């Protein structure tokens, strides 16, 4: 089995863990300048970084099985970017994007 785990930059480990736990339902652990966040089969790591521009230039593509249900869960939290829309695109893909507390874009995609 193969698995890739993204390591993304964060400006503040504790605030990032709090955001992902409170807003997105992840469980996180702080191991000193590094965080591991998990939700179901999804796992994202974060490393401390002082460069806000690096955070804002980062993104993560997350495949999901029920994007509409996930969209409904997040829609009321005002974190979907840019306009609280579920997008239907070529290849029967459905997706939405949200921006985390660091400015990182998370794109949730259901591929048929």
N, C-alpha and C. Protein backbone atom coordinates (compact mmCIF):
# COMPACT_ATOMS: atom_id res chain seq x y z
N UNK A 1 0.84 -1.19 0.00
CA UNK A 1 0.00 0.00 0.00
C UNK A 1 0.88 1.24 0.00
N UNK A 2 0.47 2.22 -0.76
CA UNK A 2 1.19 3.49 -0.81
C UNK A 2 0.32 4.59 -0.25
N UNK A 3 0.95 5.55 0.40
CA UNK A 3 0.22 6.68 0.95
C UNK A 3 1.13 7.90 0.94
N UNK A 4 0.58 9.01 0.50
CA UNK A 4 1.31 10.28 0.54
C UNK A 4 0.65 11.17 1.59
N UNK A 5 1.46 11.80 2.41
CA UNK A 5 0.94 12.70 3.44
C UNK A 5 1.56 14.07 3.22
N UNK A 6 0.72 15.08 2.95
CA UNK A 6 1.27 16.42 2.74
C UNK A 6 1.79 17.01 4.05
N UNK A 7 2.88 17.75 3.93
CA UNK A 7 3.40 18.53 5.05
C UNK A 7 3.29 19.99 4.62
N UNK A 8 2.42 20.71 5.31
CA UNK A 8 2.13 22.09 4.96
C UNK A 8 2.72 23.05 5.98
N UNK A 9 2.99 24.28 5.58
CA UNK A 9 3.52 25.27 6.53
C UNK A 9 2.40 25.84 7.40
N UNK A 10 2.75 26.22 8.62
CA UNK A 10 1.81 26.89 9.50
C UNK A 10 2.52 28.00 10.26
N UNK A 11 1.80 29.07 10.50
CA UNK A 11 2.36 30.19 11.25
C UNK A 11 2.29 29.95 12.75
N UNK A 12 1.34 29.10 13.17
CA UNK A 12 1.14 28.86 14.59
C UNK A 12 0.56 27.45 14.77
N UNK A 13 1.32 26.55 15.37
CA UNK A 13 0.90 25.16 15.53
C UNK A 13 -0.40 25.06 16.33
N UNK A 14 -0.47 25.70 17.48
CA UNK A 14 -1.65 25.59 18.35
C UNK A 14 -2.91 26.12 17.67
N UNK A 15 -2.80 27.27 16.99
CA UNK A 15 -3.96 27.83 16.31
C UNK A 15 -4.41 26.95 15.15
N UNK A 16 -3.47 26.33 14.46
CA UNK A 16 -3.81 25.45 13.35
C UNK A 16 -4.52 24.20 13.87
N UNK A 17 -4.01 23.60 14.92
CA UNK A 17 -4.68 22.44 15.51
C UNK A 17 -6.09 22.83 15.93
N UNK A 18 -6.23 23.96 16.58
CA UNK A 18 -7.55 24.41 17.03
C UNK A 18 -8.50 24.59 15.85
N UNK A 19 -8.03 25.23 14.77
CA UNK A 19 -8.87 25.44 13.59
C UNK A 19 -9.32 24.10 13.00
N UNK A 20 -8.38 23.20 12.78
CA UNK A 20 -8.71 21.92 12.14
C UNK A 20 -9.61 21.06 13.02
N UNK A 21 -9.44 21.13 14.32
CA UNK A 21 -10.31 20.37 15.22
C UNK A 21 -11.70 21.01 15.28
N UNK A 22 -11.77 22.30 15.49
CA UNK A 22 -13.04 23.00 15.69
C UNK A 22 -13.84 23.13 14.39
N UNK A 23 -13.20 23.55 13.33
CA UNK A 23 -13.91 23.85 12.09
C UNK A 23 -14.06 22.64 11.16
N UNK A 24 -13.06 21.73 11.17
CA UNK A 24 -13.06 20.65 10.18
C UNK A 24 -13.21 19.26 10.78
N UNK A 25 -13.19 19.14 12.09
CA UNK A 25 -13.42 17.85 12.73
C UNK A 25 -12.22 16.92 12.78
N UNK A 26 -11.02 17.44 12.59
CA UNK A 26 -9.81 16.63 12.69
C UNK A 26 -9.43 16.47 14.16
N UNK A 27 -8.56 15.53 14.43
CA UNK A 27 -7.93 15.37 15.73
C UNK A 27 -6.46 15.67 15.54
N UNK A 28 -5.89 16.52 16.40
CA UNK A 28 -4.51 16.93 16.21
C UNK A 28 -3.63 16.70 17.40
N UNK A 29 -2.34 16.59 17.11
CA UNK A 29 -1.33 16.47 18.16
C UNK A 29 -0.17 17.40 17.83
N UNK A 30 0.29 18.13 18.84
CA UNK A 30 1.41 19.06 18.73
C UNK A 30 2.65 18.34 19.24
N UNK A 31 3.66 18.20 18.37
CA UNK A 31 4.90 17.56 18.80
C UNK A 31 6.07 18.55 18.72
N UNK A 32 5.77 19.79 19.06
CA UNK A 32 6.82 20.81 19.14
C UNK A 32 7.31 21.29 17.79
N UNK A 33 6.66 22.29 17.24
CA UNK A 33 7.05 22.82 15.93
C UNK A 33 6.55 21.97 14.77
N UNK A 34 5.74 20.97 15.08
CA UNK A 34 5.22 20.05 14.07
C UNK A 34 3.88 19.52 14.57
N UNK A 35 2.90 19.42 13.68
CA UNK A 35 1.58 18.92 14.07
C UNK A 35 1.14 17.82 13.13
N UNK A 36 0.43 16.85 13.68
CA UNK A 36 -0.17 15.78 12.90
C UNK A 36 -1.67 15.85 13.13
N UNK A 37 -2.42 15.98 12.03
CA UNK A 37 -3.87 16.07 12.10
C UNK A 37 -4.49 14.93 11.31
N UNK A 38 -5.51 14.28 11.90
CA UNK A 38 -6.14 13.13 11.26
C UNK A 38 -7.65 13.24 11.34
N UNK A 39 -8.29 12.76 10.27
CA UNK A 39 -9.75 12.63 10.24
C UNK A 39 -10.06 11.49 9.29
N UNK A 40 -10.58 10.40 9.83
CA UNK A 40 -10.83 9.23 9.01
C UNK A 40 -9.53 8.75 8.39
N UNK A 41 -9.52 8.59 7.08
CA UNK A 41 -8.32 8.15 6.37
C UNK A 41 -7.41 9.32 5.98
N UNK A 42 -7.89 10.54 6.19
CA UNK A 42 -7.11 11.73 5.82
C UNK A 42 -6.11 12.06 6.92
N UNK A 43 -4.91 12.42 6.50
CA UNK A 43 -3.86 12.83 7.43
C UNK A 43 -3.07 13.97 6.79
N UNK A 44 -2.92 15.05 7.55
CA UNK A 44 -2.17 16.21 7.09
C UNK A 44 -1.19 16.59 8.19
N UNK A 45 0.06 16.86 7.81
CA UNK A 45 1.07 17.30 8.76
C UNK A 45 1.37 18.77 8.53
N UNK A 46 1.78 19.45 9.58
CA UNK A 46 2.15 20.86 9.49
C UNK A 46 3.49 21.08 10.17
N UNK A 47 4.28 21.96 9.58
CA UNK A 47 5.55 22.34 10.16
C UNK A 47 5.57 23.85 10.35
N UNK A 48 6.16 24.30 11.44
CA UNK A 48 6.20 25.71 11.77
C UNK A 48 6.99 26.49 10.73
N UNK A 49 6.45 27.64 10.34
CA UNK A 49 7.04 28.47 9.29
C UNK A 49 6.72 29.92 9.62
N UNK A 50 7.65 30.82 9.39
CA UNK A 50 7.43 32.24 9.67
C UNK A 50 7.01 33.04 8.43
N UNK A 51 6.93 32.39 7.28
CA UNK A 51 6.67 33.08 6.01
C UNK A 51 5.19 32.97 5.62
N UNK A 52 4.42 34.02 5.87
CA UNK A 52 3.00 34.03 5.56
C UNK A 52 2.75 33.81 4.07
N UNK A 53 3.62 34.34 3.22
CA UNK A 53 3.46 34.16 1.77
C UNK A 53 3.57 32.69 1.36
N UNK A 54 4.44 31.95 2.03
CA UNK A 54 4.58 30.52 1.74
C UNK A 54 3.28 29.79 2.10
N UNK A 55 2.70 30.14 3.24
CA UNK A 55 1.42 29.54 3.63
C UNK A 55 0.35 29.84 2.59
N UNK A 56 0.24 31.09 2.19
CA UNK A 56 -0.80 31.50 1.26
C UNK A 56 -0.59 30.95 -0.15
N UNK A 57 0.61 30.48 -0.45
CA UNK A 57 0.90 29.87 -1.75
C UNK A 57 0.75 28.35 -1.72
N UNK A 58 0.36 27.81 -0.57
CA UNK A 58 0.24 26.36 -0.40
C UNK A 58 -1.21 25.90 -0.56
N UNK A 59 -1.35 24.64 -0.98
CA UNK A 59 -2.69 24.07 -1.12
C UNK A 59 -2.62 22.56 -0.96
N UNK A 60 -3.80 21.96 -0.81
CA UNK A 60 -3.89 20.52 -0.64
C UNK A 60 -5.15 20.04 -1.35
N UNK A 61 -5.05 18.99 -2.15
CA UNK A 61 -6.16 18.39 -2.90
C UNK A 61 -6.58 17.15 -2.13
N UNK A 62 -7.85 17.09 -1.73
CA UNK A 62 -8.34 15.99 -0.91
C UNK A 62 -9.50 15.30 -1.63
N UNK A 63 -9.32 14.03 -1.95
CA UNK A 63 -10.40 13.25 -2.58
C UNK A 63 -11.37 12.79 -1.51
N UNK A 64 -12.66 12.94 -1.81
CA UNK A 64 -13.71 12.53 -0.89
C UNK A 64 -14.76 11.72 -1.64
N UNK A 65 -15.58 10.99 -0.89
CA UNK A 65 -16.61 10.17 -1.52
C UNK A 65 -17.98 10.85 -1.56
N UNK A 66 -18.24 11.79 -0.67
CA UNK A 66 -19.52 12.49 -0.65
C UNK A 66 -19.28 13.98 -0.43
N UNK A 67 -18.93 14.67 -1.50
CA UNK A 67 -18.57 16.08 -1.41
C UNK A 67 -19.77 16.95 -1.02
N UNK A 68 -20.97 16.56 -1.43
CA UNK A 68 -22.15 17.37 -1.11
C UNK A 68 -22.43 17.36 0.40
N UNK A 69 -22.28 16.22 1.04
CA UNK A 69 -22.49 16.13 2.48
C UNK A 69 -21.44 16.96 3.22
N UNK A 70 -20.18 16.85 2.80
CA UNK A 70 -19.10 17.62 3.41
C UNK A 70 -19.31 19.11 3.20
N UNK A 71 -19.72 19.49 1.99
CA UNK A 71 -20.01 20.89 1.69
C UNK A 71 -21.10 21.41 2.63
N UNK A 72 -22.14 20.63 2.83
CA UNK A 72 -23.24 21.05 3.71
C UNK A 72 -22.74 21.25 5.15
N UNK A 73 -21.82 20.38 5.59
CA UNK A 73 -21.26 20.51 6.94
C UNK A 73 -20.48 21.81 7.11
N UNK A 74 -19.75 22.22 6.08
CA UNK A 74 -18.89 23.39 6.18
C UNK A 74 -19.56 24.70 5.74
N UNK A 75 -20.65 24.62 4.98
CA UNK A 75 -21.26 25.80 4.37
C UNK A 75 -21.68 26.85 5.40
N UNK A 76 -22.14 26.45 6.54
CA UNK A 76 -22.58 27.41 7.55
C UNK A 76 -21.47 28.04 8.35
N UNK A 77 -20.24 27.61 8.12
CA UNK A 77 -19.12 28.11 8.92
C UNK A 77 -18.38 29.28 8.29
N UNK A 78 -18.78 29.69 7.10
CA UNK A 78 -18.17 30.83 6.40
C UNK A 78 -16.67 30.65 6.18
N UNK A 79 -16.25 29.44 5.84
CA UNK A 79 -14.84 29.18 5.56
C UNK A 79 -14.63 28.73 4.12
N UNK A 80 -15.73 28.53 3.37
CA UNK A 80 -15.60 28.10 1.98
C UNK A 80 -15.16 29.28 1.14
N UNK A 81 -14.19 29.04 0.27
CA UNK A 81 -13.53 30.09 -0.49
C UNK A 81 -13.70 29.83 -1.98
N UNK A 82 -13.99 30.77 -2.81
CA UNK A 82 -14.20 32.16 -2.47
C UNK A 82 -15.66 32.52 -2.16
N UNK A 83 -16.64 31.80 -2.72
CA UNK A 83 -18.01 32.29 -2.60
C UNK A 83 -19.01 31.24 -2.11
N UNK A 84 -18.60 30.35 -1.25
CA UNK A 84 -19.52 29.37 -0.69
C UNK A 84 -20.25 28.58 -1.77
N UNK A 85 -19.49 28.10 -2.78
CA UNK A 85 -20.08 27.40 -3.91
C UNK A 85 -19.56 25.97 -4.02
N UNK A 86 -20.46 25.08 -4.43
CA UNK A 86 -20.10 23.73 -4.84
C UNK A 86 -19.99 23.78 -6.36
N UNK A 87 -18.82 23.43 -6.90
CA UNK A 87 -18.53 23.58 -8.32
C UNK A 87 -18.66 22.23 -9.02
N UNK A 88 -19.34 22.23 -10.16
CA UNK A 88 -19.45 21.05 -11.01
C UNK A 88 -18.57 21.31 -12.23
N UNK A 89 -17.62 20.40 -12.51
CA UNK A 89 -16.71 20.63 -13.62
C UNK A 89 -16.63 19.40 -14.53
N UNK A 90 -15.82 19.50 -15.57
CA UNK A 90 -15.67 18.43 -16.55
C UNK A 90 -15.32 17.12 -15.88
N UNK A 91 -15.72 16.03 -16.51
CA UNK A 91 -15.43 14.71 -15.98
C UNK A 91 -16.32 14.35 -14.80
N UNK A 92 -17.44 15.07 -14.67
CA UNK A 92 -18.40 14.82 -13.59
C UNK A 92 -17.78 14.98 -12.21
N UNK A 93 -16.84 15.91 -12.08
CA UNK A 93 -16.23 16.21 -10.79
C UNK A 93 -17.06 17.27 -10.07
N UNK A 94 -17.14 17.12 -8.76
CA UNK A 94 -17.77 18.12 -7.92
C UNK A 94 -16.74 18.51 -6.88
N UNK A 95 -16.64 19.81 -6.58
CA UNK A 95 -15.61 20.24 -5.63
C UNK A 95 -15.99 21.56 -4.97
N UNK A 96 -15.30 21.82 -3.88
CA UNK A 96 -15.33 23.13 -3.25
C UNK A 96 -13.99 23.34 -2.58
N UNK A 97 -13.68 24.60 -2.32
CA UNK A 97 -12.41 24.97 -1.72
C UNK A 97 -12.67 25.77 -0.46
N UNK A 98 -11.84 25.56 0.53
CA UNK A 98 -11.90 26.41 1.71
C UNK A 98 -10.50 26.89 2.04
N UNK A 99 -10.46 27.94 2.83
CA UNK A 99 -9.19 28.53 3.23
C UNK A 99 -9.03 28.33 4.72
N UNK A 100 -7.88 27.77 5.13
CA UNK A 100 -7.66 27.54 6.56
C UNK A 100 -7.14 28.81 7.25
N UNK A 101 -6.82 28.69 8.51
CA UNK A 101 -6.39 29.84 9.31
C UNK A 101 -5.04 30.41 8.87
N UNK A 102 -4.28 29.69 8.05
CA UNK A 102 -2.99 30.16 7.55
C UNK A 102 -3.09 30.75 6.14
N UNK A 103 -4.27 30.63 5.52
CA UNK A 103 -4.43 31.05 4.13
C UNK A 103 -4.19 29.93 3.14
N UNK A 104 -4.00 28.71 3.63
CA UNK A 104 -3.80 27.54 2.77
C UNK A 104 -5.14 27.13 2.19
N UNK A 105 -5.16 26.83 0.89
CA UNK A 105 -6.38 26.38 0.24
C UNK A 105 -6.49 24.85 0.31
N UNK A 106 -7.63 24.38 0.76
CA UNK A 106 -7.94 22.96 0.79
C UNK A 106 -9.05 22.71 -0.21
N UNK A 107 -8.77 21.88 -1.22
CA UNK A 107 -9.78 21.61 -2.25
C UNK A 107 -10.29 20.19 -2.05
N UNK A 108 -11.58 20.07 -1.80
CA UNK A 108 -12.24 18.79 -1.59
C UNK A 108 -12.94 18.41 -2.89
N UNK A 109 -12.59 17.23 -3.43
CA UNK A 109 -13.07 16.83 -4.76
C UNK A 109 -13.65 15.43 -4.72
N UNK A 110 -14.82 15.30 -5.35
CA UNK A 110 -15.41 13.98 -5.58
C UNK A 110 -15.29 13.69 -7.06
N UNK A 111 -14.56 12.64 -7.39
CA UNK A 111 -14.39 12.23 -8.77
C UNK A 111 -15.28 11.02 -9.01
N UNK A 112 -16.10 11.09 -10.04
CA UNK A 112 -17.05 10.00 -10.30
C UNK A 112 -16.39 8.69 -10.57
